[in-house]
Amino acid sequence: MTLAGCGSDGSSSGGSQTKFVAGTGQISTLAAANRPAAPDISGTTVDGSQLSLNSFKGKVVVLNVWGSWCDPCRAEAPNLAKVAKATAAEGVQFVGINTRDYDTAQARSFERGFGITYPSLYDPDGKLLGKFPRGSLPPQSIPTTLIIDRHGRIAVRALKALGEDELRKALDPIVAEK
Protein backbone atom coordinates (compact mmCIF):
# COMPACT_ATOMS: atom_id res chain seq x y z
CA MET A 1 0.00 0.00 0.00
CA THR A 2 1.33 3.39 -0.93
CA LEU A 3 0.58 6.45 1.17
CA ALA A 4 1.37 9.81 -0.41
CA GLY A 5 2.90 12.56 1.72
CA CYS A 6 1.62 16.08 2.12
CA GLY A 7 2.95 19.21 3.78
CA SER A 8 1.67 20.63 7.04
CA ASP A 9 -0.40 23.16 5.14
CA GLY A 10 -2.26 20.37 3.36
CA SER A 11 -0.66 21.03 0.00
CA SER A 12 0.94 18.20 -1.92
CA SER A 13 4.56 17.84 -1.01
CA GLY A 14 7.27 15.27 -0.98
CA GLY A 15 9.54 17.34 1.22
CA SER A 16 10.92 16.72 4.67
CA GLN A 17 8.24 18.87 6.31
CA THR A 18 5.64 16.09 6.03
CA LYS A 19 3.20 16.31 8.95
CA PHE A 20 0.54 13.89 7.69
CA VAL A 21 -0.41 11.75 4.75
CA ALA A 22 -3.25 13.63 3.10
CA GLY A 23 -6.52 12.03 2.17
CA THR A 24 -8.99 13.01 -0.46
CA GLY A 25 -11.50 14.31 2.06
CA GLN A 26 -13.90 11.64 0.83
CA ILE A 27 -16.27 9.71 3.08
CA SER A 28 -17.41 6.46 1.42
CA THR A 29 -20.45 4.61 2.76
CA LEU A 30 -21.36 1.16 1.49
CA ALA A 31 -24.74 -0.56 1.44
CA ALA A 32 -24.77 -3.69 3.62
CA ALA A 33 -24.78 -6.01 0.58
CA ASN A 34 -21.58 -4.43 -0.79
CA ARG A 35 -19.43 -4.32 2.34
CA PRO A 36 -16.10 -6.17 2.29
CA ALA A 37 -14.96 -8.10 5.35
CA ALA A 38 -12.48 -6.29 7.54
CA PRO A 39 -9.26 -8.23 8.06
CA ASP A 40 -8.47 -9.52 11.53
CA ILE A 41 -6.00 -6.93 12.66
CA SER A 42 -4.21 -7.96 15.83
CA GLY A 43 -1.06 -7.14 17.69
CA THR A 44 0.41 -5.21 20.58
CA THR A 45 -1.14 -1.96 21.75
CA VAL A 46 0.79 1.19 22.61
CA ASP A 47 0.50 0.19 26.29
CA GLY A 48 1.85 -3.33 25.67
CA SER A 49 -1.38 -5.34 25.76
CA GLN A 50 -2.52 -7.79 23.08
CA LEU A 51 -5.57 -6.88 20.98
CA SER A 52 -7.50 -8.44 18.09
CA LEU A 53 -10.33 -6.80 16.15
CA ASN A 54 -12.06 -10.20 16.06
CA SER A 55 -12.63 -9.90 19.81
CA PHE A 56 -15.14 -7.13 19.06
CA LYS A 57 -17.45 -9.17 16.76
CA GLY A 58 -21.02 -8.15 17.42
CA LYS A 59 -20.02 -4.55 18.12
CA VAL A 60 -19.67 -1.62 15.76
CA VAL A 61 -15.96 -0.77 15.62
CA VAL A 62 -14.58 2.64 14.77
CA LEU A 63 -11.00 2.08 13.63
CA ASN A 64 -8.89 5.23 13.44
CA VAL A 65 -5.40 5.36 11.89
CA TRP A 66 -3.33 8.10 13.51
CA GLY A 67 0.14 9.31 14.48
CA SER A 68 1.20 11.66 17.26
CA TRP A 69 3.15 13.71 14.67
CA CYS A 70 0.02 14.24 12.51
CA ASP A 71 -1.57 17.69 12.79
CA PRO A 72 -5.02 16.60 11.47
CA CYS A 73 -4.91 13.65 13.89
CA ARG A 74 -4.42 16.11 16.73
CA ALA A 75 -7.36 18.16 15.45
CA GLU A 76 -9.75 15.19 15.35
CA ALA A 77 -8.60 13.41 18.53
CA PRO A 78 -10.90 15.32 20.94
CA ASN A 79 -13.87 14.54 18.65
CA LEU A 80 -13.04 10.83 18.59
CA ALA A 81 -12.60 10.74 22.37
CA LYS A 82 -15.96 12.45 22.93
CA VAL A 83 -17.90 10.21 20.52
CA ALA A 84 -16.19 7.09 21.90
CA LYS A 85 -17.42 7.91 25.41
CA ALA A 86 -20.90 8.86 24.19
CA THR A 87 -21.44 5.67 22.17
CA ALA A 88 -19.82 3.00 24.37
CA ALA A 89 -23.18 2.04 25.88
CA GLU A 90 -24.58 1.58 22.34
CA GLY A 91 -22.17 -1.27 21.58
CA VAL A 92 -19.56 0.85 19.81
CA GLN A 93 -15.87 0.08 20.33
CA PHE A 94 -13.22 2.54 19.21
CA VAL A 95 -9.76 1.21 18.32
CA GLY A 96 -6.78 3.14 17.06
CA ILE A 97 -3.87 2.10 14.89
CA ASN A 98 -0.87 4.25 15.75
CA THR A 99 1.56 4.40 12.85
CA ARG A 100 4.94 5.96 12.09
CA ASP A 101 5.62 6.72 15.75
CA TYR A 102 8.88 4.92 16.46
CA ASP A 103 8.54 5.17 20.24
CA THR A 104 5.42 4.18 22.16
CA ALA A 105 6.08 7.03 24.61
CA GLN A 106 5.00 9.52 21.92
CA ALA A 107 1.79 7.59 21.30
CA ARG A 108 0.99 7.24 25.01
CA SER A 109 1.58 10.96 25.52
CA PHE A 110 -0.79 11.74 22.63
CA GLU A 111 -3.49 9.50 24.15
CA ARG A 112 -3.12 11.07 27.61
CA GLY A 113 -3.10 14.58 26.20
CA PHE A 114 -6.28 14.12 24.19
CA GLY A 115 -8.17 11.91 26.66
CA ILE A 116 -8.09 8.83 24.42
CA THR A 117 -9.24 5.95 26.63
CA TYR A 118 -9.74 3.29 23.96
CA PRO A 119 -6.89 0.97 22.88
CA SER A 120 -4.58 1.62 19.95
CA LEU A 121 -2.54 -0.99 18.15
CA TYR A 122 1.10 -0.03 17.71
CA ASP A 123 2.12 -0.22 14.03
CA PRO A 124 5.27 1.88 13.51
CA ASP A 125 6.10 0.36 10.12
CA GLY A 126 2.58 0.04 8.67
CA LYS A 127 2.54 -3.77 8.64
CA LEU A 128 -0.98 -3.93 10.08
CA LEU A 129 -2.21 -1.43 7.50
CA GLY A 130 -0.86 -3.72 4.80
CA LYS A 131 -3.27 -6.47 5.87
CA PHE A 132 -6.21 -4.78 4.17
CA PRO A 133 -6.79 -6.58 0.86
CA ARG A 134 -7.51 -4.77 -2.38
CA GLY A 135 -11.14 -3.82 -2.73
CA SER A 136 -11.68 -3.68 1.03
CA LEU A 137 -11.61 0.11 1.44
CA PRO A 138 -8.15 0.11 3.03
CA PRO A 139 -6.77 3.08 4.92
CA GLN A 140 -5.07 5.29 2.34
CA SER A 141 -4.15 8.34 4.36
CA ILE A 142 -3.37 9.47 7.85
CA PRO A 143 -5.78 10.01 9.41
CA THR A 144 -8.29 7.48 8.11
CA THR A 145 -11.33 6.30 10.01
CA LEU A 146 -13.13 3.06 9.18
CA ILE A 147 -16.48 2.06 10.63
CA ILE A 148 -16.89 -1.70 10.81
CA ASP A 149 -20.41 -3.05 11.24
CA ARG A 150 -21.51 -5.69 13.77
CA HIS A 151 -20.83 -8.41 11.19
CA GLY A 152 -17.18 -7.44 10.76
CA ARG A 153 -17.63 -5.66 7.42
CA ILE A 154 -16.28 -2.24 6.46
CA ALA A 155 -19.28 0.06 6.18
CA VAL A 156 -17.65 3.51 6.05
CA ARG A 157 -14.21 4.92 5.22
CA ALA A 158 -13.31 8.55 5.88
CA LEU A 159 -10.09 9.79 4.29
CA LYS A 160 -9.92 12.93 6.39
CA ALA A 161 -9.91 14.24 9.93
CA LEU A 162 -13.46 14.05 11.27
CA GLY A 163 -15.42 16.53 13.28
CA GLU A 164 -17.81 15.26 15.92
CA ASP A 165 -20.92 15.90 13.79
CA GLU A 166 -19.41 14.24 10.70
CA LEU A 167 -18.45 11.19 12.72
CA ARG A 168 -21.90 10.88 14.28
CA LYS A 169 -23.56 11.31 10.87
CA ALA A 170 -21.51 8.39 9.51
CA LEU A 171 -21.69 6.26 12.66
CA ASP A 172 -25.31 6.56 13.78
CA PRO A 173 -26.88 4.70 10.81
CA ILE A 174 -24.45 1.79 11.30
CA VAL A 175 -25.23 1.68 15.03
CA ALA A 176 -28.96 1.65 14.19
CA GLU A 177 -28.56 -1.48 12.02
CA LYS A 178 -29.44 -4.76 13.67
C-alpha atoms as a PDB file:
ATOM      1  CA  MET A   1       0.000   0.000   0.000  1.00  0.00           C
ATOM      2  CA  THR A   2       1.334   3.395  -0.926  1.00  0.00           C
ATOM      3  CA  LEU A   3       0.584   6.446   1.170  1.00  0.00           C
ATOM      4  CA  ALA A   4       1.368   9.811  -0.407  1.00  0.00           C
ATOM      5  CA  GLY A   5       2.899  12.557   1.715  1.00  0.00           C
ATOM      6  CA  CYS A   6       1.617  16.075   2.123  1.00  0.00           C
ATOM      7  CA  GLY A   7       2.953  19.206   3.778  1.00  0.00           C
ATOM      8  CA  SER A   8       1.670  20.625   7.036  1.00  0.00           C
ATOM      9  CA  ASP A   9      -0.404  23.160   5.144  1.00  0.00           C
ATOM     10  CA  GLY A  10      -2.264  20.368   3.364  1.00  0.00           C
ATOM     11  CA  SER A  11      -0.660  21.027  -0.003  1.00  0.00           C
ATOM     12  CA  SER A  12       0.940  18.202  -1.925  1.00  0.00           C
ATOM     13  CA  SER A  13       4.556  17.845  -1.013  1.00  0.00           C
ATOM     14  CA  GLY A  14       7.268  15.265  -0.979  1.00  0.00           C
ATOM     15  CA  GLY A  15       9.543  17.341   1.224  1.00  0.00           C
ATOM     16  CA  SER A  16      10.922  16.724   4.671  1.00  0.00           C
ATOM     17  CA  GLN A  17       8.244  18.867   6.309  1.00  0.00           C
ATOM     18  CA  THR A  18       5.640  16.095   6.035  1.00  0.00           C
ATOM     19  CA  LYS A  19       3.205  16.307   8.952  1.00  0.00           C
ATOM     20  CA  PHE A  20       0.540  13.887   7.693  1.00  0.00           C
ATOM     21  CA  VAL A  21      -0.413  11.752   4.747  1.00  0.00           C
ATOM     22  CA  ALA A  22      -3.247  13.627   3.097  1.00  0.00           C
ATOM     23  CA  GLY A  23      -6.522  12.033   2.174  1.00  0.00           C
ATOM     24  CA  THR A  24      -8.994  13.013  -0.461  1.00  0.00           C
ATOM     25  CA  GLY A  25     -11.504  14.306   2.064  1.00  0.00           C
ATOM     26  CA  GLN A  26     -13.896  11.642   0.832  1.00  0.00           C
ATOM     27  CA  ILE A  27     -16.273   9.706   3.076  1.00  0.00           C
ATOM     28  CA  SER A  28     -17.412   6.462   1.424  1.00  0.00           C
ATOM     29  CA  THR A  29     -20.448   4.613   2.761  1.00  0.00           C
ATOM     30  CA  LEU A  30     -21.363   1.158   1.485  1.00  0.00           C
ATOM     31  CA  ALA A  31     -24.738  -0.560   1.443  1.00  0.00           C
ATOM     32  CA  ALA A  32     -24.774  -3.686   3.616  1.00  0.00           C
ATOM     33  CA  ALA A  33     -24.778  -6.013   0.582  1.00  0.00           C
ATOM     34  CA  ASN A  34     -21.584  -4.427  -0.794  1.00  0.00           C
ATOM     35  CA  ARG A  35     -19.428  -4.321   2.335  1.00  0.00           C
ATOM     36  CA  PRO A  36     -16.103  -6.173   2.290  1.00  0.00           C
ATOM     37  CA  ALA A  37     -14.957  -8.103   5.345  1.00  0.00           C
ATOM     38  CA  ALA A  38     -12.476  -6.292   7.537  1.00  0.00           C
ATOM     39  CA  PRO A  39      -9.260  -8.226   8.063  1.00  0.00           C
ATOM     40  CA  ASP A  40      -8.465  -9.525  11.526  1.00  0.00           C
ATOM     41  CA  ILE A  41      -5.999  -6.934  12.661  1.00  0.00           C
ATOM     42  CA  SER A  42      -4.209  -7.958  15.827  1.00  0.00           C
ATOM     43  CA  GLY A  43      -1.056  -7.141  17.692  1.00  0.00           C
ATOM     44  CA  THR A  44       0.415  -5.214  20.576  1.00  0.00           C
ATOM     45  CA  THR A  45      -1.140  -1.963  21.746  1.00  0.00           C
ATOM     46  CA  VAL A  46       0.793   1.186  22.614  1.00  0.00           C
ATOM     47  CA  ASP A  47       0.495   0.192  26.292  1.00  0.00           C
ATOM     48  CA  GLY A  48       1.855  -3.326  25.668  1.00  0.00           C
ATOM     49  CA  SER A  49      -1.383  -5.341  25.764  1.00  0.00           C
ATOM     50  CA  GLN A  50      -2.515  -7.786  23.076  1.00  0.00           C
ATOM     51  CA  LEU A  51      -5.575  -6.884  20.984  1.00  0.00           C
ATOM     52  CA  SER A  52      -7.503  -8.436  18.095  1.00  0.00           C
ATOM     53  CA  LEU A  53     -10.332  -6.800  16.154  1.00  0.00           C
ATOM     54  CA  ASN A  54     -12.058 -10.201  16.062  1.00  0.00           C
ATOM     55  CA  SER A  55     -12.628  -9.902  19.806  1.00  0.00           C
ATOM     56  CA  PHE A  56     -15.144  -7.133  19.060  1.00  0.00           C
ATOM     57  CA  LYS A  57     -17.449  -9.173  16.763  1.00  0.00           C
ATOM     58  CA  GLY A  58     -21.022  -8.150  17.420  1.00  0.00           C
ATOM     59  CA  LYS A  59     -20.015  -4.550  18.124  1.00  0.00           C
ATOM     60  CA  VAL A  60     -19.673  -1.622  15.762  1.00  0.00           C
ATOM     61  CA  VAL A  61     -15.962  -0.769  15.617  1.00  0.00           C
ATOM     62  CA  VAL A  62     -14.579   2.645  14.772  1.00  0.00           C
ATOM     63  CA  LEU A  63     -11.004   2.078  13.633  1.00  0.00           C
ATOM     64  CA  ASN A  64      -8.890   5.234  13.436  1.00  0.00           C
ATOM     65  CA  VAL A  65      -5.399   5.361  11.889  1.00  0.00           C
ATOM     66  CA  TRP A  66      -3.332   8.097  13.515  1.00  0.00           C
ATOM     67  CA  GLY A  67       0.136   9.310  14.484  1.00  0.00           C
ATOM     68  CA  SER A  68       1.199  11.664  17.262  1.00  0.00           C
ATOM     69  CA  TRP A  69       3.145  13.706  14.669  1.00  0.00           C
ATOM     70  CA  CYS A  70       0.020  14.235  12.513  1.00  0.00           C
ATOM     71  CA  ASP A  71      -1.571  17.693  12.786  1.00  0.00           C
ATOM     72  CA  PRO A  72      -5.018  16.605  11.467  1.00  0.00           C
ATOM     73  CA  CYS A  73      -4.915  13.650  13.888  1.00  0.00           C
ATOM     74  CA  ARG A  74      -4.422  16.115  16.726  1.00  0.00           C
ATOM     75  CA  ALA A  75      -7.361  18.160  15.455  1.00  0.00           C
ATOM     76  CA  GLU A  76      -9.747  15.188  15.346  1.00  0.00           C
ATOM     77  CA  ALA A  77      -8.601  13.413  18.531  1.00  0.00           C
ATOM     78  CA  PRO A  78     -10.898  15.319  20.938  1.00  0.00           C
ATOM     79  CA  ASN A  79     -13.871  14.543  18.650  1.00  0.00           C
ATOM     80  CA  LEU A  80     -13.043  10.833  18.587  1.00  0.00           C
ATOM     81  CA  ALA A  81     -12.601  10.740  22.368  1.00  0.00           C
ATOM     82  CA  LYS A  82     -15.955  12.448  22.927  1.00  0.00           C
ATOM     83  CA  VAL A  83     -17.901  10.208  20.519  1.00  0.00           C
ATOM     84  CA  ALA A  84     -16.189   7.089  21.902  1.00  0.00           C
ATOM     85  CA  LYS A  85     -17.419   7.909  25.409  1.00  0.00           C
ATOM     86  CA  ALA A  86     -20.900   8.865  24.188  1.00  0.00           C
ATOM     87  CA  THR A  87     -21.436   5.667  22.165  1.00  0.00           C
ATOM     88  CA  ALA A  88     -19.824   3.002  24.368  1.00  0.00           C
ATOM     89  CA  ALA A  89     -23.185   2.037  25.883  1.00  0.00           C
ATOM     90  CA  GLU A  90     -24.584   1.577  22.343  1.00  0.00           C
ATOM     91  CA  GLY A  91     -22.172  -1.269  21.582  1.00  0.00           C
ATOM     92  CA  VAL A  92     -19.558   0.849  19.810  1.00  0.00           C
ATOM     93  CA  GLN A  93     -15.867   0.083  20.331  1.00  0.00           C
ATOM     94  CA  PHE A  94     -13.222   2.540  19.213  1.00  0.00           C
ATOM     95  CA  VAL A  95      -9.761   1.207  18.324  1.00  0.00           C
ATOM     96  CA  GLY A  96      -6.781   3.139  17.055  1.00  0.00           C
ATOM     97  CA  ILE A  97      -3.867   2.101  14.890  1.00  0.00           C
ATOM     98  CA  ASN A  98      -0.875   4.250  15.751  1.00  0.00           C
ATOM     99  CA  THR A  99       1.559   4.403  12.853  1.00  0.00           C
ATOM    100  CA  ARG A 100       4.935   5.964  12.089  1.00  0.00           C
ATOM    101  CA  ASP A 101       5.619   6.721  15.752  1.00  0.00           C
ATOM    102  CA  TYR A 102       8.878   4.916  16.460  1.00  0.00           C
ATOM    103  CA  ASP A 103       8.544   5.173  20.237  1.00  0.00           C
ATOM    104  CA  THR A 104       5.424   4.181  22.161  1.00  0.00           C
ATOM    105  CA  ALA A 105       6.084   7.030  24.610  1.00  0.00           C
ATOM    106  CA  GLN A 106       5.001   9.524  21.920  1.00  0.00           C
ATOM    107  CA  ALA A 107       1.794   7.588  21.297  1.00  0.00           C
ATOM    108  CA  ARG A 108       0.990   7.236  25.015  1.00  0.00           C
ATOM    109  CA  SER A 109       1.576  10.957  25.518  1.00  0.00           C
ATOM    110  CA  PHE A 110      -0.791  11.738  22.626  1.00  0.00           C
ATOM    111  CA  GLU A 111      -3.485   9.496  24.146  1.00  0.00           C
ATOM    112  CA  ARG A 112      -3.119  11.068  27.605  1.00  0.00           C
ATOM    113  CA  GLY A 113      -3.103  14.583  26.202  1.00  0.00           C
ATOM    114  CA  PHE A 114      -6.279  14.116  24.192  1.00  0.00           C
ATOM    115  CA  GLY A 115      -8.174  11.914  26.657  1.00  0.00           C
ATOM    116  CA  ILE A 116      -8.090   8.832  24.418  1.00  0.00           C
ATOM    117  CA  THR A 117      -9.240   5.949  26.627  1.00  0.00           C
ATOM    118  CA  TYR A 118      -9.735   3.286  23.955  1.00  0.00           C
ATOM    119  CA  PRO A 119      -6.887   0.971  22.878  1.00  0.00           C
ATOM    120  CA  SER A 120      -4.581   1.621  19.949  1.00  0.00           C
ATOM    121  CA  LEU A 121      -2.542  -0.993  18.152  1.00  0.00           C
ATOM    122  CA  TYR A 122       1.104  -0.031  17.712  1.00  0.00           C
ATOM    123  CA  ASP A 123       2.123  -0.217  14.032  1.00  0.00           C
ATOM    124  CA  PRO A 124       5.266   1.879  13.514  1.00  0.00           C
ATOM    125  CA  ASP A 125       6.099   0.355  10.119  1.00  0.00           C
ATOM    126  CA  GLY A 126       2.582   0.039   8.671  1.00  0.00           C
ATOM    127  CA  LYS A 127       2.542  -3.766   8.639  1.00  0.00           C
ATOM    128  CA  LEU A 128      -0.975  -3.931  10.083  1.00  0.00           C
ATOM    129  CA  LEU A 129      -2.214  -1.431   7.503  1.00  0.00           C
ATOM    130  CA  GLY A 130      -0.858  -3.716   4.797  1.00  0.00           C
ATOM    131  CA  LYS A 131      -3.266  -6.471   5.871  1.00  0.00           C
ATOM    132  CA  PHE A 132      -6.213  -4.783   4.172  1.00  0.00           C
ATOM    133  CA  PRO A 133      -6.793  -6.585   0.862  1.00  0.00           C
ATOM    134  CA  ARG A 134      -7.514  -4.771  -2.384  1.00  0.00           C
ATOM    135  CA  GLY A 135     -11.142  -3.823  -2.734  1.00  0.00           C
ATOM    136  CA  SER A 136     -11.680  -3.681   1.026  1.00  0.00           C
ATOM    137  CA  LEU A 137     -11.612   0.110   1.438  1.00  0.00           C
ATOM    138  CA  PRO A 138      -8.152   0.111   3.027  1.00  0.00           C
ATOM    139  CA  PRO A 139      -6.773   3.082   4.923  1.00  0.00           C
ATOM    140  CA  GLN A 140      -5.073   5.293   2.337  1.00  0.00           C
ATOM    141  CA  SER A 141      -4.155   8.336   4.359  1.00  0.00           C
ATOM    142  CA  ILE A 142      -3.367   9.466   7.847  1.00  0.00           C
ATOM    143  CA  PRO A 143      -5.782  10.011   9.410  1.00  0.00           C
ATOM    144  CA  THR A 144      -8.290   7.476   8.112  1.00  0.00           C
ATOM    145  CA  THR A 145     -11.332   6.297  10.012  1.00  0.00           C
ATOM    146  CA  LEU A 146     -13.134   3.065   9.184  1.00  0.00           C
ATOM    147  CA  ILE A 147     -16.484   2.061  10.632  1.00  0.00           C
ATOM    148  CA  ILE A 148     -16.886  -1.702  10.810  1.00  0.00           C
ATOM    149  CA  ASP A 149     -20.407  -3.052  11.243  1.00  0.00           C
ATOM    150  CA  ARG A 150     -21.507  -5.688  13.767  1.00  0.00           C
ATOM    151  CA  HIS A 151     -20.834  -8.414  11.186  1.00  0.00           C
ATOM    152  CA  GLY A 152     -17.176  -7.439  10.760  1.00  0.00           C
ATOM    153  CA  ARG A 153     -17.627  -5.662   7.425  1.00  0.00           C
ATOM    154  CA  ILE A 154     -16.279  -2.242   6.461  1.00  0.00           C
ATOM    155  CA  ALA A 155     -19.284   0.064   6.176  1.00  0.00           C
ATOM    156  CA  VAL A 156     -17.647   3.510   6.047  1.00  0.00           C
ATOM    157  CA  ARG A 157     -14.214   4.923   5.218  1.00  0.00           C
ATOM    158  CA  ALA A 158     -13.313   8.552   5.879  1.00  0.00           C
ATOM    159  CA  LEU A 159     -10.088   9.787   4.293  1.00  0.00           C
ATOM    160  CA  LYS A 160      -9.919  12.931   6.392  1.00  0.00           C
ATOM    161  CA  ALA A 161      -9.912  14.241   9.929  1.00  0.00           C
ATOM    162  CA  LEU A 162     -13.456  14.051  11.266  1.00  0.00           C
ATOM    163  CA  GLY A 163     -15.420  16.535  13.284  1.00  0.00           C
ATOM    164  CA  GLU A 164     -17.812  15.262  15.920  1.00  0.00           C
ATOM    165  CA  ASP A 165     -20.920  15.905  13.786  1.00  0.00           C
ATOM    166  CA  GLU A 166     -19.407  14.237  10.703  1.00  0.00           C
ATOM    167  CA  LEU A 167     -18.448  11.189  12.723  1.00  0.00           C
ATOM    168  CA  ARG A 168     -21.903  10.877  14.279  1.00  0.00           C
ATOM    169  CA  LYS A 169     -23.564  11.309  10.870  1.00  0.00           C
ATOM    170  CA  ALA A 170     -21.506   8.386   9.511  1.00  0.00           C
ATOM    171  CA  LEU A 171     -21.686   6.256  12.661  1.00  0.00           C
ATOM    172  CA  ASP A 172     -25.309   6.559  13.778  1.00  0.00           C
ATOM    173  CA  PRO A 173     -26.876   4.701  10.810  1.00  0.00           C
ATOM    174  CA  ILE A 174     -24.447   1.786  11.299  1.00  0.00           C
ATOM    175  CA  VAL A 175     -25.225   1.677  15.033  1.00  0.00           C
ATOM    176  CA  ALA A 176     -28.961   1.655  14.186  1.00  0.00           C
ATOM    177  CA  GLU A 177     -28.563  -1.476  12.023  1.00  0.00           C
ATOM    178  CA  LYS A 178     -29.444  -4.760  13.667  1.00  0.00           C
END
